[in-house]
Amino acid sequence: MTNTDIPPAADSAPSSSNSIAAAGDGAGGAVIGLDIGGTKTRGVRFEAGRAVADESVGSSNVQNVSREEAARHLAELFARIGGGAVAQVYAGAGGIDTDDDAAALAALIAPLVPGARITVVHDSRLLLAAGGASTGVAVIAGTGSAAWGRNGAGEEARAGGWGYLLGDEGSGYWLGREAVRHSLRRMNQGLEPDELTTALLASCGVDHPNKLIALFHSAETGRRYWAQQARLVVDAANAGHATSQELVDQAGRDLAGLAEQALRQLGLDGPVILGSGLGMNVPRLQESFRSALAAAGISDVRVLDQEPVFGVLRLVAENG
């Protein structure tokens, strides 16, 4: 998993993927943590180890929005929380798979915090730290999905995280897409719209399942749009809709499969920490996730109880 650490302009030390500046305190400057997902960017300003500002704006992930939109959202966020002395910005984002990915995001942040050290990592690293673990596997179940972990020897492993065209199984996007596929299958079978299809048509503002095809492929919608439809599947599952229940259960199993892959690579049996929007807020998915891992002999499974961005201070402390 890549990690880009850009020192402040006045620091002549070379950039290093294993070197992270220590957290600033009230005198030396604040630490700003960023959790950049496919739907929103959350920023928290920490001073002397305490959160003093917490704001959210639209996504700044260049895998999901244009560089111009990402830069605009970052500028809006830093206008709210970036004033005064800032020692370090520590950003976790989905789709950070290479040093070039990390450097591109860091380049958007740098003009907003002159003199600050900027560290960019994959967002799953924030999740593991927020779960109170230094080793183990973190599983993201949000707009997209991925698993990442590390063991005591410092070895890292990942599973999934390939993006919506290649994977993202168990994610919000996956659930939204499967709702569309379910509706189209019923249409082809000559069946009337069921409760999931009816809710999907209303949410999308169309009056027939056939119109979902053009809408799905249109420029008007995208990964975030269809990920937002996942809530319809969750609601229908909670109301007893059998197909929706099967989809949520399958999402949990698929996410557990990602965790198991990463654990095997690392030679670990836990902990596994499940986080992000779906992972933290859908009990049925959590139950399926736990059951699938239990069947594989993995019992140390935790659901994140705070937002991943709050793992920043632990990461800074561990690597400072």
Protein backbone atom coordinates (compact mmCIF):
# COMPACT_ATOMS: atom_id res chain seq x y z
CA MET A 1 0.00 0.00 0.00
CA THR A 2 1.59 3.23 -1.08
CA ASN A 3 2.40 6.09 1.24
CA THR A 4 3.61 9.50 0.13
CA ASP A 5 5.13 11.84 2.67
CA ILE A 6 5.90 15.36 1.45
CA PRO A 7 7.91 17.50 3.87
CA PRO A 8 7.31 21.22 4.12
CA ALA A 9 9.05 23.39 1.59
CA ALA A 10 11.54 24.62 4.18
CA ASP A 11 12.55 21.06 5.06
CA SER A 12 15.48 19.95 2.95
CA ALA A 13 15.22 16.30 4.02
CA PRO A 14 14.28 13.91 1.20
CA SER A 15 10.77 12.53 0.98
CA SER A 16 10.45 9.01 2.38
CA SER A 17 7.58 6.53 2.25
CA ASN A 18 8.47 5.43 5.78
CA SER A 19 9.00 8.84 7.37
CA ILE A 20 6.11 10.72 8.91
CA ALA A 21 6.48 13.97 10.80
CA ALA A 22 5.45 14.09 14.43
CA ALA A 23 2.14 15.66 15.33
CA GLY A 24 2.11 19.36 15.93
CA ASP A 25 0.91 20.70 19.25
CA GLY A 26 -0.65 23.96 20.23
CA ALA A 27 2.68 25.75 19.82
CA GLY A 28 4.17 23.99 16.80
CA GLY A 29 1.04 23.76 14.73
CA ALA A 30 -2.07 21.69 14.25
CA VAL A 31 -2.52 18.34 12.59
CA ILE A 32 -5.31 18.12 10.02
CA GLY A 33 -6.71 14.68 9.29
CA LEU A 34 -8.61 14.03 6.06
CA ASP A 35 -10.78 11.05 5.18
CA ILE A 36 -11.50 11.33 1.47
CA GLY A 37 -14.17 8.95 0.26
CA GLY A 38 -16.10 8.57 -2.94
CA THR A 39 -19.00 10.68 -1.65
CA LYS A 40 -17.53 13.17 0.82
CA THR A 41 -14.35 14.57 2.33
CA ARG A 42 -14.21 14.83 6.09
CA GLY A 43 -11.59 17.01 7.75
CA VAL A 44 -10.73 17.25 11.44
CA ARG A 45 -8.32 19.76 12.93
CA PHE A 46 -6.39 18.47 15.94
CA GLU A 47 -4.60 20.77 18.35
CA ALA A 48 -2.65 19.36 21.31
CA GLY A 49 -4.20 15.97 20.60
CA ARG A 50 -7.80 17.20 20.65
CA ALA A 51 -10.28 17.70 17.83
CA VAL A 52 -11.16 21.40 17.65
CA ALA A 53 -12.92 21.51 14.27
CA ASP A 54 -14.78 18.91 12.23
CA GLU A 55 -16.19 19.68 8.77
CA SER A 56 -17.32 17.80 5.68
CA VAL A 57 -17.54 18.79 2.01
CA GLY A 58 -18.02 16.93 -1.25
CA SER A 59 -15.61 14.27 -2.47
CA SER A 60 -12.04 15.31 -3.23
CA ASN A 61 -11.08 11.89 -4.52
CA VAL A 62 -9.64 12.32 -7.99
CA GLN A 63 -10.72 8.76 -8.80
CA ASN A 64 -14.34 9.92 -8.52
CA VAL A 65 -14.41 13.62 -9.40
CA SER A 66 -12.41 15.90 -11.66
CA ARG A 67 -9.24 17.54 -10.38
CA GLU A 68 -11.04 20.87 -10.56
CA GLU A 69 -13.91 19.66 -8.39
CA ALA A 70 -11.51 18.00 -5.95
CA ALA A 71 -9.48 21.19 -5.65
CA ARG A 72 -12.63 23.25 -5.10
CA HIS A 73 -13.85 20.99 -2.30
CA LEU A 74 -10.44 20.96 -0.62
CA ALA A 75 -10.26 24.75 -0.79
CA GLU A 76 -13.71 24.98 0.79
CA LEU A 77 -12.69 22.60 3.58
CA PHE A 78 -9.37 24.29 4.36
CA ALA A 79 -11.08 27.67 4.42
CA ARG A 80 -13.01 26.31 7.41
CA ILE A 81 -10.35 24.34 9.29
CA GLY A 82 -6.97 25.28 7.87
CA GLY A 83 -6.28 28.66 9.44
CA GLY A 84 -3.31 29.36 11.68
CA ALA A 85 -0.22 27.18 12.01
CA VAL A 86 -0.57 23.70 10.52
CA ALA A 87 2.32 21.30 11.09
CA GLN A 88 0.99 18.32 9.17
CA VAL A 89 -1.84 17.13 6.97
CA TYR A 90 -2.47 13.37 7.07
CA ALA A 91 -4.88 12.27 4.36
CA GLY A 92 -6.43 8.87 3.71
CA ALA A 93 -8.20 8.35 0.41
CA GLY A 94 -9.60 5.50 -1.63
CA GLY A 95 -7.80 4.65 -4.86
CA ILE A 96 -4.34 5.53 -3.55
CA ASP A 97 -2.58 2.58 -5.12
CA THR A 98 0.67 4.10 -6.40
CA ASP A 99 3.08 6.83 -5.42
CA ASP A 100 1.79 8.83 -8.38
CA ASP A 101 -1.78 8.61 -7.02
CA ALA A 102 -0.60 9.89 -3.64
CA ALA A 103 1.53 12.64 -5.14
CA ALA A 104 -1.36 13.90 -7.28
CA LEU A 105 -3.56 14.32 -4.21
CA ALA A 106 -0.76 15.85 -2.15
CA ALA A 107 -0.20 18.40 -4.92
CA LEU A 108 -3.81 19.59 -4.56
CA ILE A 109 -3.44 19.96 -0.79
CA ALA A 110 -0.02 21.62 -0.65
CA PRO A 111 -1.01 25.14 -1.81
CA LEU A 112 -3.67 25.28 0.92
CA VAL A 113 -1.25 24.69 3.82
CA PRO A 114 2.13 26.27 2.98
CA GLY A 115 4.92 24.80 5.08
CA ALA A 116 2.98 21.78 6.34
CA ARG A 117 4.15 18.20 5.91
CA ILE A 118 1.65 16.23 3.83
CA THR A 119 1.20 12.48 4.13
CA VAL A 120 -1.17 10.57 1.83
CA VAL A 121 -2.14 6.93 2.39
CA HIS A 122 -4.93 4.57 1.40
CA ASP A 123 -8.00 5.25 3.55
CA SER A 124 -8.05 1.71 4.93
CA ARG A 125 -4.94 2.61 6.94
CA LEU A 126 -6.98 5.23 8.82
CA LEU A 127 -9.62 2.65 9.56
CA LEU A 128 -7.24 0.18 11.20
CA ALA A 129 -5.76 2.90 13.38
CA ALA A 130 -9.20 4.21 14.35
CA GLY A 131 -10.07 0.69 15.48
CA GLY A 132 -7.24 0.86 17.99
CA ALA A 133 -5.03 -1.67 16.23
CA SER A 134 -1.47 -1.49 14.95
CA THR A 135 -1.70 -4.88 13.25
CA GLY A 136 -4.65 -6.65 11.67
CA VAL A 137 -6.92 -6.08 8.70
CA ALA A 138 -9.23 -3.14 8.01
CA VAL A 139 -12.20 -3.59 5.68
CA ILE A 140 -13.82 -0.62 3.98
CA ALA A 141 -17.50 -1.01 3.11
CA GLY A 142 -18.65 2.34 1.78
CA THR A 143 -19.09 3.70 -1.73
CA GLY A 144 -16.39 1.19 -2.66
CA SER A 145 -14.76 -1.70 -0.85
CA ALA A 146 -11.25 -2.85 0.01
CA ALA A 147 -9.27 -4.66 2.68
CA TRP A 148 -5.81 -3.70 3.90
CA GLY A 149 -3.67 -4.93 6.72
CA ARG A 150 -0.24 -5.25 8.26
CA ASN A 151 1.47 -7.66 10.61
CA GLY A 152 4.03 -7.25 13.36
CA ALA A 153 6.89 -7.54 10.90
CA GLY A 154 5.62 -4.50 9.03
CA GLU A 155 4.48 -6.53 6.02
CA GLU A 156 1.39 -5.19 4.27
CA ALA A 157 -1.33 -6.87 2.25
CA ARG A 158 -4.46 -5.84 0.44
CA ALA A 159 -7.45 -7.43 -1.21
CA GLY A 160 -9.93 -5.78 -3.53
CA GLY A 161 -9.97 -2.04 -3.90
CA TRP A 162 -9.85 -2.35 -7.68
CA GLY A 163 -12.60 0.18 -8.32
CA TYR A 164 -16.18 -0.23 -9.44
CA LEU A 165 -15.43 -1.48 -12.96
CA LEU A 166 -13.29 -4.36 -11.68
CA GLY A 167 -14.60 -5.11 -8.22
CA ASP A 168 -15.96 -3.17 -5.23
CA GLU A 169 -17.94 -6.24 -4.20
CA GLY A 170 -20.00 -5.70 -1.07
CA SER A 171 -19.93 -1.92 -1.50
CA GLY A 172 -22.67 0.66 -1.78
CA TYR A 173 -22.11 0.83 -5.52
CA TRP A 174 -22.38 -2.94 -5.80
CA LEU A 175 -25.69 -2.97 -3.92
CA GLY A 176 -27.06 -0.12 -6.05
CA ARG A 177 -26.06 -1.85 -9.27
CA GLU A 178 -27.55 -5.14 -8.11
CA ALA A 179 -30.85 -3.37 -7.39
CA VAL A 180 -30.90 -2.23 -11.02
CA ARG A 181 -30.05 -5.72 -12.28
CA HIS A 182 -32.79 -7.23 -10.11
CA SER A 183 -35.33 -4.79 -11.53
CA LEU A 184 -34.29 -5.50 -15.12
CA ARG A 185 -34.44 -9.26 -14.63
CA ARG A 186 -38.00 -8.99 -13.32
CA MET A 187 -38.91 -6.83 -16.32
CA ASN A 188 -37.48 -9.41 -18.74
CA GLN A 189 -39.45 -12.14 -16.97
CA GLY A 190 -42.68 -10.21 -17.40
CA LEU A 191 -43.09 -9.66 -13.66
CA GLU A 192 -44.55 -6.56 -12.10
CA PRO A 193 -42.21 -4.26 -10.16
CA ASP A 194 -41.77 -5.43 -6.59
CA GLU A 195 -41.10 -3.20 -3.57
CA LEU A 196 -37.39 -2.81 -4.32
CA THR A 197 -37.99 -1.92 -7.95
CA THR A 198 -40.79 0.47 -7.03
CA ALA A 199 -38.53 2.27 -4.55
CA LEU A 200 -35.69 2.39 -7.08
CA LEU A 201 -37.88 3.86 -9.83
CA ALA A 202 -39.15 6.55 -7.45
CA SER A 203 -35.65 7.40 -6.28
CA CYS A 204 -34.38 7.66 -9.85
CA GLY A 205 -37.37 9.61 -11.13
CA VAL A 206 -38.32 7.16 -13.88
CA ASP A 207 -41.58 5.31 -14.46
CA HIS A 208 -40.46 2.03 -16.00
CA PRO A 209 -37.56 -0.38 -15.34
CA ASN A 210 -36.52 -0.21 -18.99
CA LYS A 211 -35.54 3.43 -18.46
CA LEU A 212 -33.01 2.38 -15.85
CA ILE A 213 -30.73 1.07 -18.61
CA ALA A 214 -30.18 4.44 -20.25
CA LEU A 215 -29.98 6.17 -16.88
CA PHE A 216 -27.35 3.76 -15.61
CA HIS A 217 -25.12 4.39 -18.62
CA SER A 218 -25.77 8.11 -18.86
CA ALA A 219 -23.39 10.91 -17.96
CA GLU A 220 -25.96 12.13 -15.42
CA THR A 221 -25.17 9.30 -13.04
CA GLY A 222 -22.03 7.64 -11.80
CA ARG A 223 -20.50 5.63 -9.03
CA ARG A 224 -21.69 7.91 -6.23
CA TYR A 225 -25.24 8.13 -7.60
CA TRP A 226 -25.71 4.37 -7.67
CA ALA A 227 -23.97 3.87 -4.33
CA GLN A 228 -26.60 6.15 -2.82
CA GLN A 229 -29.28 3.71 -3.97
CA ALA A 230 -27.85 1.08 -1.61
CA ARG A 231 -30.05 2.51 1.13
CA LEU A 232 -33.08 1.24 -0.80
CA VAL A 233 -31.76 -2.31 -0.67
CA VAL A 234 -31.03 -2.00 3.05
CA ASP A 235 -34.49 -0.56 3.75
CA ALA A 236 -36.19 -3.28 1.71
CA ALA A 237 -34.16 -5.97 3.50
CA ASN A 238 -35.18 -4.57 6.86
CA ALA A 239 -38.81 -4.68 5.70
CA GLY A 240 -38.52 -8.37 4.85
CA HIS A 241 -37.90 -8.29 1.07
CA ALA A 242 -36.22 -11.63 0.40
CA THR A 243 -34.03 -10.64 -2.56
CA SER A 244 -32.77 -7.54 -0.74
CA GLN A 245 -31.93 -9.67 2.29
CA GLU A 246 -29.97 -12.02 0.06
CA LEU A 247 -28.08 -9.09 -1.46
CA VAL A 248 -27.12 -7.62 1.92
CA ASP A 249 -26.06 -11.06 3.15
CA GLN A 250 -23.96 -11.58 0.02
CA ALA A 251 -22.32 -8.21 0.54
CA GLY A 252 -21.28 -9.29 4.03
CA ARG A 253 -19.86 -12.56 2.72
CA ASP A 254 -17.95 -10.83 -0.07
CA LEU A 255 -16.41 -8.36 2.37
CA ALA A 256 -15.45 -11.23 4.67
CA GLY A 257 -13.75 -12.87 1.70
CA LEU A 258 -11.59 -9.79 1.21
CA ALA A 259 -10.63 -9.81 4.89
CA GLU A 260 -9.75 -13.49 4.79
CA GLN A 261 -7.51 -12.99 1.74
CA ALA A 262 -5.54 -10.25 3.47
CA LEU A 263 -5.25 -12.22 6.73
CA ARG A 264 -3.87 -15.25 4.89
CA GLN A 265 -1.23 -13.14 3.17
CA LEU A 266 -0.13 -11.74 6.52
CA GLY A 267 -0.29 -14.94 8.54
CA LEU A 268 -2.75 -13.38 11.00
CA ASP A 269 -5.99 -14.55 12.59
CA GLY A 270 -7.19 -11.04 13.50
CA PRO A 271 -8.26 -8.55 14.43
CA VAL A 272 -10.53 -7.61 11.55
CA ILE A 273 -12.07 -4.13 11.74
CA LEU A 274 -15.09 -3.29 9.60
CA GLY A 275 -15.80 0.34 8.86
CA SER A 276 -17.21 3.04 6.54
CA GLY A 277 -20.86 3.84 5.90
CA LEU A 278 -22.32 0.40 5.17
CA GLY A 279 -19.96 -1.42 7.49
CA MET A 280 -20.73 0.76 10.49
CA ASN A 281 -24.48 1.20 10.00
CA VAL A 282 -26.05 -1.99 8.59
CA PRO A 283 -26.50 -4.67 11.28
CA ARG A 284 -27.56 -7.37 8.83
CA LEU A 285 -24.38 -6.88 6.79
CA GLN A 286 -22.33 -6.97 10.01
CA GLU A 287 -23.97 -10.26 11.03
CA SER A 288 -23.26 -11.85 7.66
CA PHE A 289 -19.67 -10.57 7.79
CA ARG A 290 -19.09 -12.01 11.27
CA SER A 291 -20.70 -15.33 10.39
CA ALA A 292 -18.61 -15.82 7.29
CA LEU A 293 -15.40 -15.06 9.16
CA ALA A 294 -16.40 -17.29 12.07
CA ALA A 295 -16.85 -20.14 9.59
CA ALA A 296 -13.23 -19.53 8.56
CA GLY A 297 -12.07 -19.66 12.18
CA ILE A 298 -11.69 -15.91 12.62
CA SER A 299 -13.34 -14.64 15.80
CA ASP A 300 -11.68 -11.29 16.57
CA VAL A 301 -14.00 -9.15 14.45
CA ARG A 302 -14.82 -5.57 15.41
CA VAL A 303 -17.10 -2.92 13.96
CA LEU A 304 -15.53 0.52 14.02
CA ASP A 305 -17.14 2.75 16.66
CA GLN A 306 -15.63 6.06 15.52
CA GLU A 307 -15.00 7.65 12.15
CA PRO A 308 -11.74 6.57 10.44
CA VAL A 309 -10.36 10.13 10.41
CA PHE A 310 -9.85 9.85 14.16
CA GLY A 311 -7.17 7.24 13.50
CA VAL A 312 -4.88 10.02 12.30
CA LEU A 313 -3.46 10.84 15.71
CA ARG A 314 -2.56 7.20 16.34
CA LEU A 315 -0.78 6.99 12.97
CA VAL A 316 1.15 10.19 13.61
CA ALA A 317 2.14 9.00 17.08
CA GLU A 318 3.24 5.59 15.82
CA ASN A 319 5.27 6.93 12.92
CA GLY A 320 6.40 10.33 14.15
